[in-house]
Amino acid sequence: MNCFKRLGEKVMARTFERQVAELNIRASILNQFTALGTPQTVAAA
Protein backbone atom coordinates (compact mmCIF):
# COMPACT_ATOMS: atom_id res chain seq x y z
CA MET A 1 0.00 0.00 0.00
CA ASN A 2 2.91 2.34 0.68
CA CYS A 3 4.19 1.91 -2.88
CA PHE A 4 0.68 2.46 -4.22
CA LYS A 5 0.46 5.78 -2.35
CA ARG A 6 3.80 6.90 -3.80
CA LEU A 7 2.08 7.19 -7.17
CA GLY A 8 -0.19 9.84 -5.65
CA GLU A 9 -2.08 10.28 -2.41
CA LYS A 10 -5.23 11.70 -3.99
CA VAL A 11 -7.50 10.49 -6.74
CA MET A 12 -7.72 13.27 -9.30
CA ALA A 13 -10.81 12.02 -11.16
CA ARG A 14 -14.23 13.21 -10.04
CA THR A 15 -16.61 10.55 -11.30
CA PHE A 16 -16.58 7.05 -9.88
CA GLU A 17 -15.94 5.37 -13.24
CA ARG A 18 -12.90 7.54 -13.88
CA GLN A 19 -11.65 6.97 -10.34
CA VAL A 20 -11.78 3.22 -10.97
CA ALA A 21 -9.91 3.67 -14.26
CA GLU A 22 -7.27 5.87 -12.59
CA LEU A 23 -6.67 3.36 -9.80
CA ASN A 24 -6.45 0.51 -12.31
CA ILE A 25 -3.79 2.45 -14.21
CA ARG A 26 -1.85 3.03 -10.99
CA ALA A 27 -2.01 -0.67 -10.15
CA SER A 28 -0.82 -1.55 -13.67
CA ILE A 29 2.15 0.84 -13.35
CA LEU A 30 3.04 -0.61 -9.96
CA ASN A 31 2.88 -4.16 -11.35
CA GLN A 32 5.19 -3.20 -14.23
CA PHE A 33 7.71 -1.65 -11.83
CA THR A 34 7.57 -4.80 -9.70
CA ALA A 35 8.14 -6.99 -12.77
CA LEU A 36 11.16 -4.91 -13.78
CA GLY A 37 12.69 -5.26 -10.32
CA THR A 38 12.11 -9.01 -9.96
CA PRO A 39 15.24 -11.04 -10.70
CA GLN A 40 15.10 -13.84 -13.25
CA THR A 41 16.20 -17.02 -11.49
CA VAL A 42 17.38 -20.09 -13.37
CA ALA A 43 17.96 -23.49 -11.82
CA ALA A 44 21.53 -24.65 -12.26
CA ALA A 45 21.75 -28.39 -12.58
PDB file of N, CA and C in Angstrom:
ATOM      1  N   MET A   1       0.822  -1.185   0.000  1.00  0.00           N
ATOM      2  CA  MET A   1       0.000   0.000   0.000  1.00  0.00           C
ATOM      3  C   MET A   1       0.870   1.254   0.000  1.00  0.00           C
ATOM      4  N   ASN A   2       2.004   1.190   0.657  1.00  0.00           N
ATOM      5  CA  ASN A   2       2.906   2.338   0.681  1.00  0.00           C
ATOM      6  C   ASN A   2       3.375   2.681  -0.725  1.00  0.00           C
ATOM      7  N   CYS A   3       3.744   1.673  -1.497  1.00  0.00           N
ATOM      8  CA  CYS A   3       4.188   1.914  -2.884  1.00  0.00           C
ATOM      9  C   CYS A   3       3.043   2.467  -3.723  1.00  0.00           C
ATOM     10  N   PHE A   4       1.848   1.990  -3.469  1.00  0.00           N
ATOM     11  CA  PHE A   4       0.684   2.464  -4.221  1.00  0.00           C
ATOM     12  C   PHE A   4       0.451   3.949  -3.953  1.00  0.00           C
ATOM     13  N   LYS A   5       0.654   4.372  -2.703  1.00  0.00           N
ATOM     14  CA  LYS A   5       0.462   5.778  -2.352  1.00  0.00           C
ATOM     15  C   LYS A   5       1.562   6.663  -2.915  1.00  0.00           C
ATOM     16  N   ARG A   6       2.727   6.104  -3.206  1.00  0.00           N
ATOM     17  CA  ARG A   6       3.802   6.898  -3.799  1.00  0.00           C
ATOM     18  C   ARG A   6       3.427   7.410  -5.180  1.00  0.00           C
ATOM     19  N   LEU A   7       2.527   6.744  -5.847  1.00  0.00           N
ATOM     20  CA  LEU A   7       2.079   7.187  -7.165  1.00  0.00           C
ATOM     21  C   LEU A   7       1.109   8.358  -7.064  1.00  0.00           C
ATOM     22  N   GLY A   8       0.710   8.704  -5.873  1.00  0.00           N
ATOM     23  CA  GLY A   8      -0.191   9.838  -5.647  1.00  0.00           C
ATOM     24  C   GLY A   8      -1.130   9.543  -4.509  1.00  0.00           C
ATOM     25  N   GLU A   9      -1.215  10.470  -3.576  1.00  0.00           N
ATOM     26  CA  GLU A   9      -2.078  10.281  -2.415  1.00  0.00           C
ATOM     27  C   GLU A   9      -3.547  10.443  -2.780  1.00  0.00           C
ATOM     28  N   LYS A  10      -3.842  11.367  -3.685  1.00  0.00           N
ATOM     29  CA  LYS A  10      -5.227  11.698  -3.990  1.00  0.00           C
ATOM     30  C   LYS A  10      -5.637  11.139  -5.346  1.00  0.00           C
ATOM     31  N   VAL A  11      -6.918  10.878  -5.457  1.00  0.00           N
ATOM     32  CA  VAL A  11      -7.496  10.490  -6.739  1.00  0.00           C
ATOM     33  C   VAL A  11      -7.950  11.772  -7.413  1.00  0.00           C
ATOM     34  N   MET A  12      -7.445  12.011  -8.612  1.00  0.00           N
ATOM     35  CA  MET A  12      -7.723  13.270  -9.295  1.00  0.00           C
ATOM     36  C   MET A  12      -9.080  13.276 -10.004  1.00  0.00           C
ATOM     37  N   ALA A  13      -9.559  12.106 -10.418  1.00  0.00           N
ATOM     38  CA  ALA A  13     -10.814  12.019 -11.164  1.00  0.00           C
ATOM     39  C   ALA A  13     -12.001  12.318 -10.246  1.00  0.00           C
ATOM     40  N   ARG A  14     -13.049  12.845 -10.828  1.00  0.00           N
ATOM     41  CA  ARG A  14     -14.229  13.214 -10.040  1.00  0.00           C
ATOM     42  C   ARG A  14     -15.316  12.147 -10.067  1.00  0.00           C
ATOM     43  N   THR A  15     -15.548  11.547 -11.217  1.00  0.00           N
ATOM     44  CA  THR A  15     -16.610  10.551 -11.298  1.00  0.00           C
ATOM     45  C   THR A  15     -16.081   9.182 -10.872  1.00  0.00           C
ATOM     46  N   PHE A  16     -16.982   8.344 -10.391  1.00  0.00           N
ATOM     47  CA  PHE A  16     -16.582   7.047  -9.876  1.00  0.00           C
ATOM     48  C   PHE A  16     -15.928   6.182 -10.953  1.00  0.00           C
ATOM     49  N   GLU A  17     -16.492   6.195 -12.164  1.00  0.00           N
ATOM     50  CA  GLU A  17     -15.945   5.373 -13.242  1.00  0.00           C
ATOM     51  C   GLU A  17     -14.518   5.780 -13.577  1.00  0.00           C
ATOM     52  N   ARG A  18     -14.252   7.061 -13.579  1.00  0.00           N
ATOM     53  CA  ARG A  18     -12.904   7.544 -13.878  1.00  0.00           C
ATOM     54  C   ARG A  18     -11.946   7.285 -12.715  1.00  0.00           C
ATOM     55  N   GLN A  19     -12.471   7.315 -11.498  1.00  0.00           N
ATOM     56  CA  GLN A  19     -11.650   6.974 -10.341  1.00  0.00           C
ATOM     57  C   GLN A  19     -11.193   5.522 -10.424  1.00  0.00           C
ATOM     58  N   VAL A  20     -12.120   4.640 -10.812  1.00  0.00           N
ATOM     59  CA  VAL A  20     -11.782   3.225 -10.973  1.00  0.00           C
ATOM     60  C   VAL A  20     -10.727   3.057 -12.048  1.00  0.00           C
ATOM     61  N   ALA A  21     -10.881   3.759 -13.168  1.00  0.00           N
ATOM     62  CA  ALA A  21      -9.910   3.671 -14.256  1.00  0.00           C
ATOM     63  C   ALA A  21      -8.547   4.191 -13.798  1.00  0.00           C
ATOM     64  N   GLU A  22      -8.534   5.291 -13.057  1.00  0.00           N
ATOM     65  CA  GLU A  22      -7.272   5.869 -12.588  1.00  0.00           C
ATOM     66  C   GLU A  22      -6.554   4.910 -11.642  1.00  0.00           C
ATOM     67  N   LEU A  23      -7.285   4.297 -10.743  1.00  0.00           N
ATOM     68  CA  LEU A  23      -6.666   3.362  -9.800  1.00  0.00           C
ATOM     69  C   LEU A  23      -6.200   2.086 -10.495  1.00  0.00           C
ATOM     70  N   ASN A  24      -6.911   1.659 -11.531  1.00  0.00           N
ATOM     71  CA  ASN A  24      -6.449   0.508 -12.315  1.00  0.00           C
ATOM     72  C   ASN A  24      -5.148   0.824 -13.041  1.00  0.00           C
ATOM     73  N   ILE A  25      -5.025   2.038 -13.545  1.00  0.00           N
ATOM     74  CA  ILE A  25      -3.789   2.449 -14.214  1.00  0.00           C
ATOM     75  C   ILE A  25      -2.642   2.475 -13.218  1.00  0.00           C
ATOM     76  N   ARG A  26      -2.888   3.010 -12.021  1.00  0.00           N
ATOM     77  CA  ARG A  26      -1.847   3.032 -10.990  1.00  0.00           C
ATOM     78  C   ARG A  26      -1.402   1.628 -10.620  1.00  0.00           C
ATOM     79  N   ALA A  27      -2.355   0.711 -10.483  1.00  0.00           N
ATOM     80  CA  ALA A  27      -2.014  -0.667 -10.154  1.00  0.00           C
ATOM     81  C   ALA A  27      -1.208  -1.303 -11.278  1.00  0.00           C
ATOM     82  N   SER A  28      -1.553  -1.009 -12.522  1.00  0.00           N
ATOM     83  CA  SER A  28      -0.815  -1.546 -13.666  1.00  0.00           C
ATOM     84  C   SER A  28       0.622  -1.031 -13.677  1.00  0.00           C
ATOM     85  N   ILE A  29       0.803   0.260 -13.405  1.00  0.00           N
ATOM     86  CA  ILE A  29       2.152   0.841 -13.355  1.00  0.00           C
ATOM     87  C   ILE A  29       2.961   0.186 -12.248  1.00  0.00           C
ATOM     88  N   LEU A  30       2.343   0.010 -11.083  1.00  0.00           N
ATOM     89  CA  LEU A  30       3.042  -0.614  -9.961  1.00  0.00           C
ATOM     90  C   LEU A  30       3.434  -2.051 -10.292  1.00  0.00           C
ATOM     91  N   ASN A  31       2.563  -2.784 -10.964  1.00  0.00           N
ATOM     92  CA  ASN A  31       2.882  -4.160 -11.353  1.00  0.00           C
ATOM     93  C   ASN A  31       4.032  -4.202 -12.351  1.00  0.00           C
ATOM     94  N   GLN A  32       4.090  -3.242 -13.266  1.00  0.00           N
ATOM     95  CA  GLN A  32       5.186  -3.199 -14.235  1.00  0.00           C
ATOM     96  C   GLN A  32       6.504  -2.886 -13.551  1.00  0.00           C
ATOM     97  N   PHE A  33       6.495  -1.960 -12.587  1.00  0.00           N
ATOM     98  CA  PHE A  33       7.709  -1.653 -11.833  1.00  0.00           C
ATOM     99  C   PHE A  33       8.172  -2.871 -11.045  1.00  0.00           C
ATOM    100  N   THR A  34       7.234  -3.600 -10.464  1.00  0.00           N
ATOM    101  CA  THR A  34       7.574  -4.800  -9.705  1.00  0.00           C
ATOM    102  C   THR A  34       8.176  -5.861 -10.622  1.00  0.00           C
ATOM    103  N   ALA A  35       7.617  -6.015 -11.816  1.00  0.00           N
ATOM    104  CA  ALA A  35       8.139  -6.992 -12.771  1.00  0.00           C
ATOM    105  C   ALA A  35       9.545  -6.623 -13.215  1.00  0.00           C
ATOM    106  N   LEU A  36       9.819  -5.340 -13.367  1.00  0.00           N
ATOM    107  CA  LEU A  36      11.159  -4.911 -13.778  1.00  0.00           C
ATOM    108  C   LEU A  36      12.184  -5.175 -12.679  1.00  0.00           C
ATOM    109  N   GLY A  37      11.770  -5.098 -11.423  1.00  0.00           N
ATOM    110  CA  GLY A  37      12.686  -5.261 -10.324  1.00  0.00           C
ATOM    111  C   GLY A  37      12.842  -6.694  -9.840  1.00  0.00           C
ATOM    112  N   THR A  38      12.041  -7.618 -10.372  1.00  0.00           N
ATOM    113  CA  THR A  38      12.109  -9.006  -9.957  1.00  0.00           C
ATOM    114  C   THR A  38      13.227  -9.725 -10.706  1.00  0.00           C
ATOM    115  N   PRO A  39      14.153 -10.356  -9.995  1.00  0.00           N
ATOM    116  CA  PRO A  39      15.241 -11.037 -10.697  1.00  0.00           C
ATOM    117  C   PRO A  39      14.756 -12.310 -11.406  1.00  0.00           C
ATOM    118  N   GLN A  40      15.398 -12.618 -12.509  1.00  0.00           N
ATOM    119  CA  GLN A  40      15.105 -13.841 -13.251  1.00  0.00           C
ATOM    120  C   GLN A  40      16.009 -14.953 -12.693  1.00  0.00           C
ATOM    121  N   THR A  41      15.413 -15.929 -12.058  1.00  0.00           N
ATOM    122  CA  THR A  41      16.199 -17.017 -11.489  1.00  0.00           C
ATOM    123  C   THR A  41      16.141 -18.241 -12.403  1.00  0.00           C
ATOM    124  N   VAL A  42      17.281 -18.897 -12.535  1.00  0.00           N
ATOM    125  CA  VAL A  42      17.381 -20.085 -13.372  1.00  0.00           C
ATOM    126  C   VAL A  42      18.015 -21.176 -12.528  1.00  0.00           C
ATOM    127  N   ALA A  43      17.419 -22.358 -12.571  1.00  0.00           N
ATOM    128  CA  ALA A  43      17.959 -23.489 -11.818  1.00  0.00           C
ATOM    129  C   ALA A  43      19.234 -24.000 -12.502  1.00  0.00           C
ATOM    130  N   ALA A  44      20.275 -24.123 -11.733  1.00  0.00           N
ATOM    131  CA  ALA A  44      21.535 -24.646 -12.259  1.00  0.00           C
ATOM    132  C   ALA A  44      21.654 -26.119 -11.880  1.00  0.00           C
ATOM    133  N   ALA A  45      21.706 -26.962 -12.875  1.00  0.00           N
ATOM    134  CA  ALA A  45      21.748 -28.394 -12.580  1.00  0.00           C
ATOM    135  C   ALA A  45      23.033 -29.037 -13.057  1.00  0.00           C
TER     136      ALA A  45
END
